[in-house]
Amino acid sequence: MKTIIVDSNVIAKIFVEEEDSQQAVNFFRSCLAKGFQVQAPDLLKYEIAQITLRKKLSMNEVMVFFEDHISVLVELTSPDHSVWQEAEKICQYGHIKSGFPTMYDSIYHAMAIINKGVFVTADRRHFEKAKSFGHICLLKGWEDFVEKP
C-alpha cells in the first residue's frame, strides 16, 4: 500500500475555493477509492486552524467538517526521531537569496521520505527548494506520481 503524506494546503483547498480546489477533491476521492494510506503530522490541525482564521472562515464549521470527513481519510501521526532528523536536513538545504524550507513543510516531506511514500503539496516554493530529496509531487501532477506502482 502506498503511503501518501498530504500537506495542509491541499486540505485547505476543500474549505477555500481556489483555482485547483477541484484537483484537491479529486485527489481525496481517488485516495479513498484506491485505499491509499493518507497521513499527516499532528500539526496539521494547527495549520488548518491558522488557515481558517486567516481566511475568516468559521472555526467551528471547518473543525466539524475536518473531524467528520477529513479525519476519516487522513491519519494524524506524531513525527518520530528519524523524521525530525530528516526534516533538519531538508531545512538546511536552500540558499540565502531564495530562502530555506520551513520546518513545518519539512516535517511533512520527511514523513514521506522515511515512510517511502510521497508528499503531496500545493506549495510550489517548498517543492522547488526541496525536490532533490524526492518523494514529493505537486497537487497539479499528483496523478502521475501517486498512481505509479
C-alpha atoms as a PDB file:
ATOM      1  CA  MET A   1       0.000   0.000   0.000  1.00  0.00           C
ATOM      2  CA  LYS A   2       1.363   3.423  -0.947  1.00  0.00           C
ATOM      3  CA  THR A   3       1.765   5.966   1.853  1.00  0.00           C
ATOM      4  CA  ILE A   4       0.773   9.499   0.967  1.00  0.00           C
ATOM      5  CA  ILE A   5       1.582  12.452   3.183  1.00  0.00           C
ATOM      6  CA  VAL A   6      -0.822  15.284   2.434  1.00  0.00           C
ATOM      7  CA  ASP A   7       0.007  18.937   3.061  1.00  0.00           C
ATOM      8  CA  SER A   8      -2.382  21.195   4.951  1.00  0.00           C
ATOM      9  CA  ASN A   9      -2.588  23.473   1.895  1.00  0.00           C
ATOM     10  CA  VAL A  10      -4.167  20.607  -0.088  1.00  0.00           C
ATOM     11  CA  ILE A  11      -6.802  20.041   2.592  1.00  0.00           C
ATOM     12  CA  ALA A  12      -7.466  23.783   2.849  1.00  0.00           C
ATOM     13  CA  LYS A  13      -8.492  23.837  -0.817  1.00  0.00           C
ATOM     14  CA  ILE A  14     -11.617  21.975   0.208  1.00  0.00           C
ATOM     15  CA  PHE A  15     -12.598  24.848   2.534  1.00  0.00           C
ATOM     16  CA  VAL A  16     -11.266  27.746   0.477  1.00  0.00           C
ATOM     17  CA  GLU A  17     -12.295  27.965  -3.155  1.00  0.00           C
ATOM     18  CA  GLU A  18      -9.177  28.253  -5.268  1.00  0.00           C
ATOM     19  CA  GLU A  19      -8.321  27.522  -8.877  1.00  0.00           C
ATOM     20  CA  ASP A  20      -7.149  23.997  -8.016  1.00  0.00           C
ATOM     21  CA  SER A  21      -9.773  23.126  -5.402  1.00  0.00           C
ATOM     22  CA  GLN A  22     -11.339  20.529  -7.697  1.00  0.00           C
ATOM     23  CA  GLN A  23      -7.960  18.810  -8.015  1.00  0.00           C
ATOM     24  CA  ALA A  24      -7.860  18.507  -4.211  1.00  0.00           C
ATOM     25  CA  VAL A  25     -11.349  16.987  -4.183  1.00  0.00           C
ATOM     26  CA  ASN A  26     -10.361  14.560  -6.964  1.00  0.00           C
ATOM     27  CA  PHE A  27      -7.181  13.658  -5.081  1.00  0.00           C
ATOM     28  CA  PHE A  28      -9.105  12.706  -1.933  1.00  0.00           C
ATOM     29  CA  ARG A  29     -11.746  10.801  -3.898  1.00  0.00           C
ATOM     30  CA  SER A  30      -9.040   8.780  -5.629  1.00  0.00           C
ATOM     31  CA  CYS A  31      -7.224   8.060  -2.365  1.00  0.00           C
ATOM     32  CA  LEU A  32     -10.446   6.817  -0.815  1.00  0.00           C
ATOM     33  CA  ALA A  33     -11.377   4.700  -3.848  1.00  0.00           C
ATOM     34  CA  LYS A  34      -7.923   3.127  -4.093  1.00  0.00           C
ATOM     35  CA  GLY A  35      -7.470   2.616  -0.365  1.00  0.00           C
ATOM     36  CA  PHE A  36      -4.267   4.664  -0.134  1.00  0.00           C
ATOM     37  CA  GLN A  37      -2.902   5.291   3.342  1.00  0.00           C
ATOM     38  CA  VAL A  38      -3.036   9.071   3.747  1.00  0.00           C
ATOM     39  CA  GLN A  39      -1.169  10.601   6.674  1.00  0.00           C
ATOM     40  CA  ALA A  40      -0.115  13.960   8.027  1.00  0.00           C
ATOM     41  CA  PRO A  41       1.781  15.112  11.088  1.00  0.00           C
ATOM     42  CA  ASP A  42      -0.379  16.052  14.043  1.00  0.00           C
ATOM     43  CA  LEU A  43       0.496  19.711  13.465  1.00  0.00           C
ATOM     44  CA  LEU A  44      -1.997  19.580  10.572  1.00  0.00           C
ATOM     45  CA  LYS A  45      -4.900  20.658  12.800  1.00  0.00           C
ATOM     46  CA  TYR A  46      -3.000  23.736  13.943  1.00  0.00           C
ATOM     47  CA  GLU A  47      -2.198  24.692  10.383  1.00  0.00           C
ATOM     48  CA  ILE A  48      -5.839  24.229   9.362  1.00  0.00           C
ATOM     49  CA  ALA A  49      -6.868  26.428  12.311  1.00  0.00           C
ATOM     50  CA  GLN A  50      -4.441  29.138  11.162  1.00  0.00           C
ATOM     51  CA  ILE A  51      -5.745  28.988   7.589  1.00  0.00           C
ATOM     52  CA  THR A  52      -9.323  29.144   8.903  1.00  0.00           C
ATOM     53  CA  LEU A  53      -8.580  32.299  10.887  1.00  0.00           C
ATOM     54  CA  ARG A  54      -6.633  33.951   8.059  1.00  0.00           C
ATOM     55  CA  LYS A  55      -9.444  33.308   5.567  1.00  0.00           C
ATOM     56  CA  LYS A  56     -12.098  34.443   8.101  1.00  0.00           C
ATOM     57  CA  LEU A  57     -13.951  31.135   7.979  1.00  0.00           C
ATOM     58  CA  SER A  58     -15.990  29.758  10.853  1.00  0.00           C
ATOM     59  CA  MET A  59     -13.581  27.772  13.017  1.00  0.00           C
ATOM     60  CA  ASN A  60     -16.430  25.622  14.286  1.00  0.00           C
ATOM     61  CA  GLU A  61     -17.728  24.711  10.818  1.00  0.00           C
ATOM     62  CA  VAL A  62     -14.272  23.888   9.487  1.00  0.00           C
ATOM     63  CA  MET A  63     -13.330  21.814  12.548  1.00  0.00           C
ATOM     64  CA  VAL A  64     -16.609  19.887  12.433  1.00  0.00           C
ATOM     65  CA  PHE A  65     -16.052  19.180   8.732  1.00  0.00           C
ATOM     66  CA  PHE A  66     -12.457  18.205   9.486  1.00  0.00           C
ATOM     67  CA  GLU A  67     -13.494  15.810  12.265  1.00  0.00           C
ATOM     68  CA  ASP A  68     -16.424  14.307  10.330  1.00  0.00           C
ATOM     69  CA  HIS A  69     -14.771  13.907   6.937  1.00  0.00           C
ATOM     70  CA  ILE A  70     -11.058  14.669   6.694  1.00  0.00           C
ATOM     71  CA  SER A  71     -10.111  12.742   9.820  1.00  0.00           C
ATOM     72  CA  VAL A  72     -11.674   9.662   8.219  1.00  0.00           C
ATOM     73  CA  LEU A  73      -9.273   9.989   5.273  1.00  0.00           C
ATOM     74  CA  VAL A  74      -6.139  11.318   6.986  1.00  0.00           C
ATOM     75  CA  GLU A  75      -4.340   9.598   9.838  1.00  0.00           C
ATOM     76  CA  LEU A  76      -2.572  12.104  12.079  1.00  0.00           C
ATOM     77  CA  THR A  77       0.727  10.881  13.476  1.00  0.00           C
ATOM     78  CA  SER A  78       3.401  12.320  15.691  1.00  0.00           C
ATOM     79  CA  PRO A  79       6.773  12.540  13.935  1.00  0.00           C
ATOM     80  CA  ASP A  80       9.418  10.273  15.438  1.00  0.00           C
ATOM     81  CA  HIS A  81      13.124  10.973  15.909  1.00  0.00           C
ATOM     82  CA  SER A  82      14.071   9.833  12.399  1.00  0.00           C
ATOM     83  CA  VAL A  83      11.512  12.205  10.850  1.00  0.00           C
ATOM     84  CA  TRP A  84      12.890  15.141  12.854  1.00  0.00           C
ATOM     85  CA  GLN A  85      16.428  14.311  11.731  1.00  0.00           C
ATOM     86  CA  GLU A  86      15.391  14.098   8.066  1.00  0.00           C
ATOM     87  CA  ALA A  87      13.429  17.358   8.380  1.00  0.00           C
ATOM     88  CA  GLU A  88      16.530  19.047   9.752  1.00  0.00           C
ATOM     89  CA  LYS A  89      18.467  18.007   6.620  1.00  0.00           C
ATOM     90  CA  ILE A  90      15.736  19.397   4.362  1.00  0.00           C
ATOM     91  CA  CYS A  91      15.616  22.693   6.284  1.00  0.00           C
ATOM     92  CA  GLN A  92      19.335  23.204   5.784  1.00  0.00           C
ATOM     93  CA  TYR A  93      19.039  22.781   2.024  1.00  0.00           C
ATOM     94  CA  GLY A  94      18.482  26.130   0.441  1.00  0.00           C
ATOM     95  CA  HIS A  95      20.090  29.404  -0.413  1.00  0.00           C
ATOM     96  CA  ILE A  96      20.336  32.723   1.395  1.00  0.00           C
ATOM     97  CA  LYS A  97      18.713  34.561  -1.528  1.00  0.00           C
ATOM     98  CA  SER A  98      15.872  32.104  -2.228  1.00  0.00           C
ATOM     99  CA  GLY A  99      15.411  31.037   1.381  1.00  0.00           C
ATOM    100  CA  PHE A 100      15.320  27.723   3.149  1.00  0.00           C
ATOM    101  CA  PRO A 101      12.473  25.239   3.534  1.00  0.00           C
ATOM    102  CA  THR A 102      10.450  25.716   6.720  1.00  0.00           C
ATOM    103  CA  MET A 103      10.457  23.126   9.478  1.00  0.00           C
ATOM    104  CA  TYR A 104       6.688  22.742   9.090  1.00  0.00           C
ATOM    105  CA  ASP A 105       6.891  21.821   5.401  1.00  0.00           C
ATOM    106  CA  SER A 106       9.992  19.741   6.012  1.00  0.00           C
ATOM    107  CA  ILE A 107       8.246  17.597   8.646  1.00  0.00           C
ATOM    108  CA  TYR A 108       5.584  16.579   6.095  1.00  0.00           C
ATOM    109  CA  HIS A 109       8.248  15.940   3.462  1.00  0.00           C
ATOM    110  CA  ALA A 110      10.450  13.963   5.874  1.00  0.00           C
ATOM    111  CA  MET A 111       7.494  11.744   6.803  1.00  0.00           C
ATOM    112  CA  ALA A 112       7.149  10.820   3.132  1.00  0.00           C
ATOM    113  CA  ILE A 113      10.852  10.062   2.802  1.00  0.00           C
ATOM    114  CA  ILE A 114      11.036   7.922   5.952  1.00  0.00           C
ATOM    115  CA  ASN A 115       7.844   6.032   5.050  1.00  0.00           C
ATOM    116  CA  LYS A 116       8.939   5.586   1.408  1.00  0.00           C
ATOM    117  CA  GLY A 117       5.839   7.414   0.290  1.00  0.00           C
ATOM    118  CA  VAL A 118       5.055  10.685  -1.435  1.00  0.00           C
ATOM    119  CA  PHE A 119       4.380  14.165  -0.072  1.00  0.00           C
ATOM    120  CA  VAL A 120       1.546  15.844  -1.992  1.00  0.00           C
ATOM    121  CA  THR A 121       1.664  19.624  -1.698  1.00  0.00           C
ATOM    122  CA  ALA A 122       0.396  22.726  -3.460  1.00  0.00           C
ATOM    123  CA  ASP A 123       3.367  24.730  -2.171  1.00  0.00           C
ATOM    124  CA  ARG A 124       5.487  25.428  -5.250  1.00  0.00           C
ATOM    125  CA  ARG A 125       8.159  27.212  -3.202  1.00  0.00           C
ATOM    126  CA  HIS A 126       8.826  24.205  -0.983  1.00  0.00           C
ATOM    127  CA  PHE A 127       8.666  21.919  -3.994  1.00  0.00           C
ATOM    128  CA  GLU A 128      11.319  23.917  -5.863  1.00  0.00           C
ATOM    129  CA  LYS A 129      13.602  24.178  -2.840  1.00  0.00           C
ATOM    130  CA  ALA A 130      13.404  20.534  -1.794  1.00  0.00           C
ATOM    131  CA  LYS A 131      12.521  18.454  -4.862  1.00  0.00           C
ATOM    132  CA  SER A 132      16.034  16.997  -4.977  1.00  0.00           C
ATOM    133  CA  PHE A 133      15.135  14.955  -1.862  1.00  0.00           C
ATOM    134  CA  GLY A 134      12.488  13.126  -3.907  1.00  0.00           C
ATOM    135  CA  HIS A 135       9.257  11.695  -2.500  1.00  0.00           C
ATOM    136  CA  ILE A 136       7.367  14.893  -3.382  1.00  0.00           C
ATOM    137  CA  CYS A 137       4.888  15.999  -6.015  1.00  0.00           C
ATOM    138  CA  LEU A 138       2.687  18.988  -6.611  1.00  0.00           C
ATOM    139  CA  LEU A 139      -1.068  18.635  -6.337  1.00  0.00           C
ATOM    140  CA  LYS A 140      -1.260  19.590 -10.004  1.00  0.00           C
ATOM    141  CA  GLY A 141       0.588  16.423 -11.034  1.00  0.00           C
ATOM    142  CA  TRP A 142      -0.396  14.037  -8.265  1.00  0.00           C
ATOM    143  CA  GLU A 143      -1.975  11.503 -10.657  1.00  0.00           C
ATOM    144  CA  ASP A 144       1.304  10.888 -12.484  1.00  0.00           C
ATOM    145  CA  PHE A 145       3.280  10.426  -9.285  1.00  0.00           C
ATOM    146  CA  VAL A 146       0.807   8.689  -6.972  1.00  0.00           C
ATOM    147  CA  GLU A 147      -0.735   6.341  -9.490  1.00  0.00           C
ATOM    148  CA  LYS A 148       2.625   4.722 -10.303  1.00  0.00           C
ATOM    149  CA  PRO A 149       3.034   1.247  -8.782  1.00  0.00           C
END
